[in-house]
């Protein structure tokens, strides 16, 4: 285990000598400074895992350093050293984020235990941050999404990026296939080299061969000069062939030779030229169906289908819908100089319950439409464009009272009110929301602004109440 950096801020020579003796056999790399100014200079350059901070410094109160660490959210566990009778100061230090405090005078064992705990805590926090960064990310390059399905996509991209192996991306239109290709390129050793994208469905068949492989002067009518195709432009970088399932079969055979040999022959030329590209291709079709129906060469499919990535449709990423919508709202509000801060709960309910056939691209367009055409602090249901505006007339409001549907109490009824247990009212509200969401607990949790685990825990407690 590498020694952990520890900063000791102490102006007393006697105490510094004592610390050196106490820490002589500890697996930490200790740095000593005498003043608050020195401490701030040090942590601005390098943040230690733990800090032993004396509050009575010659040039400032150590609390100022603690406040700075707290405000900057520096990843360091701070142990405050206080004098006798200053426990109230220690409490304030804990409020400002101190890990623990040691009251003077102290013995060596108490100090060691506290510092060991602080360093161990920081080591665990670092591991947790790495774990969260790897498995619980809200975004990855241009992707937005924290769902389990997207965590798997991020993981595959990370693992595949360092290789030269061909990646085959599939997914419905609007799921972000080009974003996936860009993420692979940006995470790869070729990140500083060209990334060239060709949409095979958007280029006329008679021109696509020239677009990919280039042509020499006079190769065909209109070829007034030699042209470097995408294959040459992407040399040493990445070539992304989007909607490859729409490529003509004759061109597929030429692409197969390119993939197998790494050589390119320009249209009208007899010369083979070597290029070095990493291939990423994508389609919104089922490629195996295209192979079975004769629209896609089987040998090309197996040559390209080395690392498959399937991008899930937005309807299968329900917990990502509001995350994405809020980010688009923030982005376009800033671009258009508007004042939007969020969505009303009713609007969020409609966003969550829509199927999104156009996936993330459709959600992006909806939010941009709202921001451009409307004003306000919150996005309300009357701002929703078609077809979402029709859902507001079909879906019941999830903000209705938990007692909605019960017989109304007459104004003339002077009998005492019926008081029900709070847990029962809460239970009815949660169950109504779950029913509104067709049994989908994560979606219900998002609408109720609680975590899914809270709902699961409460349901268990209701079962316990029933049995008692």
Protein backbone atom coordinates (compact mmCIF):
# COMPACT_ATOMS: atom_id res chain seq x y z
CA UNK A 1 0.00 0.00 0.00
CA UNK A 2 1.36 3.42 -0.93
CA UNK A 3 1.83 5.82 2.02
CA UNK A 4 -1.05 8.28 2.39
CA UNK A 5 -0.22 12.01 2.49
CA UNK A 6 -0.88 13.64 5.86
CA UNK A 7 -0.54 17.39 6.55
CA UNK A 8 0.05 18.58 10.11
CA UNK A 9 -0.61 22.27 10.76
CA UNK A 10 1.05 23.08 14.07
CA UNK A 11 3.31 25.95 15.24
CA UNK A 12 4.45 24.32 18.49
CA UNK A 13 7.91 22.74 18.08
CA UNK A 14 7.30 20.52 21.10
CA UNK A 15 4.11 19.10 19.62
CA UNK A 16 5.71 18.60 16.22
CA UNK A 17 8.45 16.50 17.85
CA UNK A 18 5.75 14.52 19.66
CA UNK A 19 3.83 13.95 16.41
CA UNK A 20 7.01 12.74 14.69
CA UNK A 21 7.52 10.20 17.43
CA UNK A 22 3.88 9.02 17.43
CA UNK A 23 3.79 8.64 13.64
CA UNK A 24 7.24 7.09 13.20
CA UNK A 25 5.89 3.65 12.22
CA UNK A 26 2.68 4.76 10.48
CA UNK A 27 2.25 4.18 6.69
CA UNK A 28 1.81 7.86 5.88
CA UNK A 29 3.85 10.61 4.29
CA UNK A 30 3.85 13.51 6.75
CA UNK A 31 4.33 17.19 5.92
CA UNK A 32 4.56 19.85 8.65
CA UNK A 33 3.68 23.55 8.29
CA UNK A 34 3.57 26.20 11.01
CA UNK A 35 1.14 28.83 9.73
CA UNK A 36 -2.28 29.05 8.15
CA UNK A 37 -0.84 30.75 5.08
CA UNK A 38 1.57 27.86 4.54
CA UNK A 39 -1.28 25.37 4.99
CA UNK A 40 -3.48 27.11 2.39
CA UNK A 41 -0.58 27.30 -0.08
CA UNK A 42 0.08 23.58 0.40
CA UNK A 43 -3.49 22.34 -0.04
CA UNK A 44 -4.01 24.57 -3.08
CA UNK A 45 -1.18 22.66 -4.79
CA UNK A 46 -1.75 19.17 -3.40
CA UNK A 47 -4.70 17.93 -1.32
CA UNK A 48 -3.58 15.48 1.42
CA UNK A 49 -5.74 12.54 2.44
CA UNK A 50 -5.90 13.87 6.01
CA UNK A 51 -5.05 17.07 7.89
CA UNK A 52 -4.28 17.45 11.58
CA UNK A 53 -5.28 21.08 12.13
CA UNK A 54 -4.49 23.17 15.19
CA UNK A 55 -6.97 26.02 15.53
CA UNK A 56 -4.62 28.35 17.42
CA UNK A 57 -2.22 29.38 14.64
CA UNK A 58 -0.01 32.48 14.80
CA UNK A 59 -1.42 34.20 11.69
CA UNK A 60 -5.07 33.07 11.61
CA UNK A 61 -7.71 30.94 13.26
CA UNK A 62 -7.50 27.38 11.96
CA UNK A 63 -11.28 27.54 11.47
CA UNK A 64 -10.66 29.69 8.40
CA UNK A 65 -8.70 26.83 6.83
CA UNK A 66 -11.49 24.40 7.66
CA UNK A 67 -14.04 26.74 6.09
CA UNK A 68 -11.93 26.94 2.93
CA UNK A 69 -11.68 23.14 2.72
CA UNK A 70 -15.44 22.85 3.22
CA UNK A 71 -16.31 25.55 0.65
CA UNK A 72 -13.97 24.05 -1.95
CA UNK A 73 -15.23 20.53 -1.13
CA UNK A 74 -11.66 19.27 -0.97
CA UNK A 75 -11.37 15.48 -0.51
CA UNK A 76 -9.50 15.54 2.78
CA UNK A 77 -10.43 14.27 6.26
CA UNK A 78 -9.68 17.03 8.79
CA UNK A 79 -8.94 16.27 12.45
CA UNK A 80 -9.16 19.44 14.55
CA UNK A 81 -6.97 19.94 17.61
CA UNK A 82 -8.69 21.99 20.34
CA UNK A 83 -7.68 23.33 23.72
CA UNK A 84 -9.45 22.40 26.92
CA UNK A 85 -12.76 24.15 27.44
CA UNK A 86 -13.35 24.70 23.71
CA UNK A 87 -15.77 21.86 23.00
CA UNK A 88 -18.25 24.36 21.58
CA UNK A 89 -15.61 25.26 18.99
CA UNK A 90 -15.18 21.54 18.24
CA UNK A 91 -18.91 21.26 17.60
CA UNK A 92 -18.72 24.16 15.16
CA UNK A 93 -15.76 22.47 13.47
CA UNK A 94 -17.78 19.27 13.05
CA UNK A 95 -20.58 21.32 11.51
CA UNK A 96 -18.07 22.65 8.98
CA UNK A 97 -17.12 19.13 7.96
CA UNK A 98 -14.30 18.16 10.32
CA UNK A 99 -13.91 14.38 10.53
CA UNK A 100 -13.08 14.37 14.26
CA UNK A 101 -11.39 16.43 16.95
CA UNK A 102 -8.70 15.82 19.53
CA UNK A 103 -8.80 17.79 22.76
CA UNK A 104 -5.54 18.95 24.35
CA UNK A 105 -3.84 17.45 26.25
CA UNK A 106 -4.08 14.07 24.50
CA UNK A 107 -2.16 10.80 24.62
CA UNK A 108 -0.40 9.25 21.68
CA UNK A 109 -2.78 6.32 21.36
CA UNK A 110 -5.84 8.57 21.11
CA UNK A 111 -4.11 10.61 18.40
CA UNK A 112 -3.08 7.50 16.43
CA UNK A 113 -6.53 5.96 16.51
CA UNK A 114 -8.13 9.21 15.31
CA UNK A 115 -5.63 9.72 12.49
CA UNK A 116 -5.86 6.08 11.40
CA UNK A 117 -9.63 6.40 11.24
CA UNK A 118 -9.36 9.62 9.23
CA UNK A 119 -6.96 8.09 6.72
CA UNK A 120 -9.02 4.91 6.49
CA UNK A 121 -12.16 6.97 5.93
CA UNK A 122 -10.48 8.88 3.12
CA UNK A 123 -9.23 5.67 1.53
CA UNK A 124 -12.76 4.24 1.57
CA UNK A 125 -14.15 7.49 0.13
CA UNK A 126 -11.63 7.36 -2.70
CA UNK A 127 -12.61 3.77 -3.49
CA UNK A 128 -16.27 4.71 -3.40
CA UNK A 129 -15.65 7.63 -5.77
CA UNK A 130 -13.85 5.31 -8.19
CA UNK A 131 -16.71 2.80 -7.93
CA UNK A 132 -19.33 5.48 -8.53
CA UNK A 133 -17.35 6.94 -11.40
CA UNK A 134 -17.12 3.53 -13.02
CA UNK A 135 -20.59 2.12 -12.35
CA UNK A 136 -22.93 4.98 -11.36
CA UNK A 137 -22.36 7.78 -13.85
CA UNK A 138 -25.02 10.30 -14.82
CA UNK A 139 -23.19 11.06 -18.05
CA UNK A 140 -20.40 9.78 -20.27
CA UNK A 141 -18.95 12.11 -22.90
CA UNK A 142 -22.06 13.41 -24.74
CA UNK A 143 -24.37 10.74 -23.32
CA UNK A 144 -26.77 11.62 -20.49
CA UNK A 145 -28.16 8.74 -18.46
CA UNK A 146 -27.76 6.96 -15.13
CA UNK A 147 -29.88 3.87 -15.85
CA UNK A 148 -28.46 0.37 -15.53
CA UNK A 149 -28.77 -0.11 -19.29
CA UNK A 150 -26.59 2.93 -19.96
CA UNK A 151 -24.01 1.91 -17.33
CA UNK A 152 -23.51 -1.28 -19.36
CA UNK A 153 -23.11 0.76 -22.55
CA UNK A 154 -20.51 3.00 -20.88
CA UNK A 155 -18.62 -0.07 -19.67
CA UNK A 156 -18.50 -1.66 -23.13
CA UNK A 157 -17.31 1.61 -24.67
CA UNK A 158 -14.51 1.89 -22.11
CA UNK A 159 -13.41 -1.69 -22.66
CA UNK A 160 -13.61 -1.50 -26.47
CA UNK A 161 -12.05 1.93 -26.95
CA UNK A 162 -8.41 0.91 -26.54
CA UNK A 163 -8.70 -1.81 -29.20
CA UNK A 164 -8.72 -1.48 -32.97
CA UNK A 165 -11.54 -4.06 -33.18
CA UNK A 166 -14.57 -3.04 -35.24
CA UNK A 167 -17.62 -1.95 -33.25
CA UNK A 168 -21.15 -2.57 -34.55
CA UNK A 169 -23.72 -0.24 -32.95
CA UNK A 170 -27.43 -0.99 -33.23
CA UNK A 171 -30.42 0.93 -31.95
CA UNK A 172 -33.55 2.77 -32.98
CA UNK A 173 -33.31 6.18 -34.62
CA UNK A 174 -32.59 8.88 -32.08
CA UNK A 175 -30.89 6.65 -29.49
CA UNK A 176 -27.46 8.22 -30.02
CA UNK A 177 -25.51 5.90 -32.30
CA UNK A 178 -23.20 8.67 -33.53
CA UNK A 179 -22.68 9.84 -29.93
CA UNK A 180 -21.62 6.27 -29.15
CA UNK A 181 -19.12 6.26 -32.03
CA UNK A 182 -17.72 9.64 -30.93
CA UNK A 183 -17.37 8.40 -27.33
CA UNK A 184 -15.41 5.35 -28.49
CA UNK A 185 -13.11 7.55 -30.58
CA UNK A 186 -12.61 10.15 -27.82
CA UNK A 187 -11.81 7.42 -25.27
CA UNK A 188 -9.36 5.66 -27.60
CA UNK A 189 -5.64 6.19 -28.32
CA UNK A 190 -6.80 7.77 -31.62
CA UNK A 191 -8.61 10.62 -29.82
CA UNK A 192 -6.30 13.25 -31.34
CA UNK A 193 -6.71 11.86 -34.85
CA UNK A 194 -9.59 12.44 -37.31
CA UNK A 195 -13.12 11.20 -36.66
CA UNK A 196 -15.00 11.01 -39.96
CA UNK A 197 -18.71 10.10 -40.14
CA UNK A 198 -20.57 9.02 -43.28
CA UNK A 199 -24.35 8.53 -43.34
CA UNK A 200 -24.84 5.79 -45.92
CA UNK A 201 -28.59 6.47 -46.13
CA UNK A 202 -28.23 10.19 -46.84
CA UNK A 203 -25.92 9.97 -49.88
CA UNK A 204 -27.18 8.96 -53.34
CA UNK A 205 -26.03 5.47 -54.36
CA UNK A 206 -24.10 6.73 -57.38
CA UNK A 207 -22.03 9.04 -55.14
CA UNK A 208 -21.44 7.03 -51.99
CA UNK A 209 -18.50 5.01 -53.38
CA UNK A 210 -16.72 8.26 -54.21
CA UNK A 211 -17.63 9.69 -50.77
CA UNK A 212 -15.99 6.73 -49.03
CA UNK A 213 -13.09 5.83 -51.31
CA UNK A 214 -12.56 9.06 -53.25
CA UNK A 215 -12.00 9.40 -57.03
CA UNK A 216 -9.39 10.54 -59.50
CA UNK A 217 -9.82 13.40 -61.93
CA UNK A 218 -12.00 12.40 -64.90
CA UNK A 219 -13.31 9.23 -63.24
CA UNK A 220 -16.84 10.25 -64.18
CA UNK A 221 -18.75 13.25 -65.49
CA UNK A 222 -18.24 16.11 -63.07
CA UNK A 223 -15.02 14.69 -61.55
CA UNK A 224 -13.02 17.79 -62.42
CA UNK A 225 -10.43 17.19 -59.69
CA UNK A 226 -9.09 14.33 -57.59
CA UNK A 227 -10.99 13.77 -54.34
CA UNK A 228 -9.83 12.21 -51.10
CA UNK A 229 -12.71 10.13 -49.74
CA UNK A 230 -13.65 9.55 -46.11
CA UNK A 231 -11.29 6.57 -45.88
CA UNK A 232 -8.28 8.81 -46.59
CA UNK A 233 -9.60 11.64 -44.40
CA UNK A 234 -9.90 9.19 -41.49
CA UNK A 235 -6.38 7.79 -41.95
CA UNK A 236 -4.84 7.06 -38.48
CA UNK A 237 -8.24 7.88 -36.96
CA UNK A 238 -11.79 6.49 -36.92
CA UNK A 239 -14.25 5.98 -39.77
CA UNK A 240 -17.90 5.83 -38.71
CA UNK A 241 -20.31 4.33 -41.25
CA UNK A 242 -23.82 5.19 -40.07
CA UNK A 243 -26.88 3.33 -41.42
CA UNK A 244 -24.60 0.78 -43.08
CA UNK A 245 -27.62 -1.46 -43.64
CA UNK A 246 -28.69 0.88 -46.47
CA UNK A 247 -25.44 0.41 -48.39
CA UNK A 248 -25.72 -1.11 -51.89
CA UNK A 249 -24.63 -4.77 -52.12
CA UNK A 250 -21.99 -4.04 -54.77
CA UNK A 251 -20.39 -1.43 -52.53
CA UNK A 252 -20.57 -3.84 -49.60
CA UNK A 253 -18.17 -6.17 -51.43
CA UNK A 254 -15.68 -3.32 -51.89
CA UNK A 255 -16.06 -2.35 -48.24
CA UNK A 256 -15.36 -5.97 -47.25
CA UNK A 257 -12.08 -5.88 -49.16
CA UNK A 258 -11.21 -2.57 -47.49
CA UNK A 259 -11.91 -3.99 -44.02
CA UNK A 260 -9.93 -7.18 -44.73
CA UNK A 261 -6.87 -5.63 -46.38
CA UNK A 262 -6.79 -2.02 -45.21
CA UNK A 263 -6.32 -0.94 -48.83
CA UNK A 264 -8.43 1.52 -50.83
CA UNK A 265 -8.90 1.94 -54.55
CA UNK A 266 -10.24 5.30 -55.65
CA UNK A 267 -13.00 5.39 -58.26
CA UNK A 268 -11.38 5.40 -61.70
CA UNK A 269 -7.97 4.34 -60.38
CA UNK A 270 -6.17 0.98 -60.62
CA UNK A 271 -3.87 1.83 -57.72
CA UNK A 272 -4.33 0.29 -54.26
CA UNK A 273 -3.43 2.61 -51.39
CA UNK A 274 -2.94 1.69 -47.73
CA UNK A 275 -4.82 3.48 -44.97
CA UNK A 276 -5.09 2.88 -41.23
CA UNK A 277 -8.59 3.37 -39.85
CA UNK A 278 -10.63 2.04 -36.97
CA UNK A 279 -14.11 1.03 -38.19
CA UNK A 280 -17.31 1.76 -36.31
CA UNK A 281 -20.60 1.09 -38.06
CA UNK A 282 -24.23 1.47 -37.06
CA UNK A 283 -27.73 0.62 -38.22
CA UNK A 284 -31.28 1.04 -36.97
CA UNK A 285 -32.21 -2.29 -38.58
CA UNK A 286 -31.81 -5.78 -37.17
CA UNK A 287 -28.64 -6.71 -39.11
CA UNK A 288 -29.29 -10.45 -38.90
CA UNK A 289 -32.71 -9.96 -40.49
CA UNK A 290 -31.02 -7.96 -43.27
CA UNK A 291 -28.56 -10.85 -43.75
CA UNK A 292 -31.33 -13.45 -43.86
CA UNK A 293 -33.32 -11.40 -46.36
CA UNK A 294 -30.31 -10.82 -48.60
CA UNK A 295 -29.90 -7.07 -48.04
CA UNK A 296 -26.60 -7.37 -46.19
CA UNK A 297 -23.64 -9.59 -47.01
CA UNK A 298 -23.16 -12.31 -44.41
CA UNK A 299 -19.34 -12.26 -44.73
CA UNK A 300 -19.30 -8.48 -44.22
CA UNK A 301 -21.63 -8.78 -41.23
CA UNK A 302 -19.32 -11.23 -39.44
CA UNK A 303 -16.28 -9.16 -40.36
CA UNK A 304 -17.83 -6.02 -38.82
CA UNK A 305 -19.79 -7.57 -35.96
CA UNK A 306 -16.80 -7.97 -33.61
CA UNK A 307 -17.91 -5.85 -30.64
CA UNK A 308 -21.68 -5.27 -30.66
CA UNK A 309 -23.26 -2.40 -28.73
CA UNK A 310 -27.04 -2.19 -28.51
CA UNK A 311 -28.36 1.23 -27.49
CA UNK A 312 -31.62 0.91 -25.54
CA UNK A 313 -34.66 2.97 -26.58
CA UNK A 314 -35.65 5.79 -24.25
CA UNK A 315 -38.84 3.99 -23.17
CA UNK A 316 -36.59 1.36 -21.55
CA UNK A 317 -34.59 4.04 -19.73
CA UNK A 318 -37.44 5.54 -17.72
CA UNK A 319 -35.22 6.79 -14.89
CA UNK A 320 -33.19 8.77 -17.47
CA UNK A 321 -36.10 10.68 -19.02
CA UNK A 322 -36.26 13.50 -16.47
CA UNK A 323 -32.47 13.60 -16.14
CA UNK A 324 -32.15 14.18 -19.89
CA UNK A 325 -35.09 16.59 -20.06
CA UNK A 326 -33.68 18.75 -17.25
CA UNK A 327 -30.27 18.92 -18.90
CA UNK A 328 -31.79 19.96 -22.24
CA UNK A 329 -33.93 22.54 -20.41
CA UNK A 330 -30.85 23.98 -18.71
CA UNK A 331 -28.90 24.05 -21.98
CA UNK A 332 -31.58 25.67 -24.14
CA UNK A 333 -32.69 28.08 -21.41
CA UNK A 334 -29.13 29.38 -21.35
CA UNK A 335 -28.89 29.49 -25.16
CA UNK A 336 -32.18 31.33 -25.60
CA UNK A 337 -31.68 33.60 -22.56
CA UNK A 338 -34.91 32.40 -20.96
CA UNK A 339 -35.86 31.94 -17.28
CA UNK A 340 -36.95 28.29 -16.99
CA UNK A 341 -35.89 26.50 -13.80
CA UNK A 342 -37.73 23.19 -14.12
CA UNK A 343 -40.90 21.27 -14.95
CA UNK A 344 -44.12 21.15 -12.95
CA UNK A 345 -44.93 17.74 -11.42
CA UNK A 346 -47.83 17.31 -13.86
CA UNK A 347 -45.52 17.96 -16.81
CA UNK A 348 -42.96 15.49 -15.47
CA UNK A 349 -45.70 12.87 -15.17
CA UNK A 350 -46.55 13.28 -18.85
CA UNK A 351 -42.89 13.11 -19.89
CA UNK A 352 -42.49 9.89 -17.92
CA UNK A 353 -45.61 8.27 -19.34
CA UNK A 354 -44.99 9.07 -23.02
CA UNK A 355 -43.47 6.27 -25.13
CA UNK A 356 -40.95 8.49 -27.00
CA UNK A 357 -40.91 6.71 -30.39
CA UNK A 358 -38.26 9.20 -31.57
CA UNK A 359 -36.16 8.52 -28.47
CA UNK A 360 -33.67 11.09 -27.11
CA UNK A 361 -33.71 13.14 -30.32
CA UNK A 362 -37.48 13.60 -30.00
CA UNK A 363 -37.17 14.60 -26.33
CA UNK A 364 -34.46 17.08 -27.29
CA UNK A 365 -36.69 18.63 -29.96
CA UNK A 366 -39.67 18.81 -27.58
CA UNK A 367 -37.68 20.67 -24.92
CA UNK A 368 -36.19 23.05 -27.46
CA UNK A 369 -39.68 23.77 -28.87
CA UNK A 370 -40.92 24.57 -25.35
CA UNK A 371 -38.04 26.90 -24.52
CA UNK A 372 -38.17 28.80 -27.83
CA UNK A 373 -41.95 29.31 -27.92
CA UNK A 374 -42.73 29.96 -24.25
CA UNK A 375 -41.81 32.08 -21.24
CA UNK A 376 -41.88 31.29 -17.54
CA UNK A 377 -40.05 29.78 -14.59
CA UNK A 378 -41.63 26.33 -14.90
CA UNK A 379 -42.68 24.25 -17.89
CA UNK A 380 -46.43 23.65 -17.54
CA UNK A 381 -48.58 21.12 -19.42
CA UNK A 382 -50.11 23.82 -21.63
CA UNK A 383 -46.62 24.47 -23.07
CA UNK A 384 -46.24 20.89 -24.33
CA UNK A 385 -46.31 20.50 -28.13
CA UNK A 386 -48.22 17.76 -29.94
CA UNK A 387 -48.62 14.89 -29.34
CA UNK A 388 -47.71 15.30 -25.66
CA UNK A 389 -50.34 18.00 -25.11
CA UNK A 390 -53.07 15.41 -25.75
CA UNK A 391 -51.84 13.24 -22.86
CA UNK A 392 -52.79 15.91 -20.34
CA UNK A 393 -56.45 15.30 -21.21
CA UNK A 394 -56.16 11.52 -20.95
CA UNK A 395 -54.09 10.96 -17.81
CA UNK A 396 -55.43 11.73 -14.31
CA UNK A 397 -53.40 14.18 -12.29
CA UNK A 398 -50.98 12.41 -9.99
CA UNK A 399 -51.05 15.37 -7.67
CA UNK A 400 -54.59 14.64 -6.56
CA UNK A 401 -55.15 14.20 -2.86
CA UNK A 402 -54.65 10.74 -1.40
CA UNK A 403 -58.27 10.83 -0.29
CA UNK A 404 -59.64 11.69 -3.74
CA UNK A 405 -62.65 9.55 -4.59
CA UNK A 406 -63.94 9.34 -1.02
CA UNK A 407 -67.43 10.77 -0.32
CA UNK A 408 -67.20 14.54 0.06
CA UNK A 409 -67.92 15.92 3.50
CA UNK A 410 -70.90 18.25 3.56
CA UNK A 411 -70.31 21.75 4.83
CA UNK A 412 -73.24 21.36 7.19
CA UNK A 413 -71.81 18.17 8.72
CA UNK A 414 -70.77 19.20 12.22
CA UNK A 415 -69.62 15.73 13.33
CA UNK A 416 -65.95 15.42 14.42
CA UNK A 417 -63.52 14.85 11.54
CA UNK A 418 -62.40 11.29 10.85
CA UNK A 419 -58.69 11.17 11.66
CA UNK A 420 -56.73 8.37 10.06
CA UNK A 421 -53.18 7.27 10.88
CA UNK A 422 -50.53 9.17 8.93
CA UNK A 423 -48.95 5.93 7.69
CA UNK A 424 -52.28 4.92 6.13
CA UNK A 425 -52.70 8.25 4.31
CA UNK A 426 -49.10 7.96 3.07
CA UNK A 427 -49.73 4.35 2.02
CA UNK A 428 -52.76 5.34 -0.06
CA UNK A 429 -50.86 8.20 -1.74
CA UNK A 430 -47.96 5.91 -2.65
CA UNK A 431 -50.21 3.10 -3.87
CA UNK A 432 -52.24 5.49 -6.02
CA UNK A 433 -49.06 6.77 -7.64
CA UNK A 434 -47.79 3.22 -8.25
CA UNK A 435 -51.13 2.35 -9.85
CA UNK A 436 -50.95 5.51 -11.99
CA UNK A 437 -47.50 4.37 -13.16
CA UNK A 438 -48.80 0.89 -14.05
CA UNK A 439 -46.88 -0.73 -11.22
CA UNK A 440 -43.53 0.85 -12.14
CA UNK A 441 -41.95 1.69 -8.77
CA UNK A 442 -38.91 3.65 -10.06
CA UNK A 443 -41.26 5.86 -12.07
CA UNK A 444 -43.57 6.32 -9.06
CA UNK A 445 -40.56 7.18 -6.90
CA UNK A 446 -39.48 9.86 -9.38
CA UNK A 447 -42.92 11.48 -9.27
CA UNK A 448 -43.06 11.34 -5.47
CA UNK A 449 -39.48 12.69 -5.30
CA UNK A 450 -38.24 9.80 -3.15
CA UNK A 451 -35.86 6.96 -3.91
CA UNK A 452 -37.27 3.57 -5.02
CA UNK A 453 -35.67 2.01 -1.92
CA UNK A 454 -37.87 4.27 0.25
CA UNK A 455 -41.01 2.85 -1.37
CA UNK A 456 -39.77 -0.74 -1.02
CA UNK A 457 -38.92 -0.12 2.65
CA UNK A 458 -42.32 1.41 3.38
CA UNK A 459 -44.11 -1.51 1.70
CA UNK A 460 -42.21 -3.89 3.96
CA UNK A 461 -43.25 -1.86 7.00
CA UNK A 462 -46.90 -2.03 5.89
CA UNK A 463 -46.65 -5.81 5.75
CA UNK A 464 -45.28 -5.81 9.28
CA UNK A 465 -48.23 -3.64 10.45
CA UNK A 466 -50.68 -6.06 8.80
CA UNK A 467 -49.18 -9.07 10.61
CA UNK A 468 -49.13 -7.36 13.99
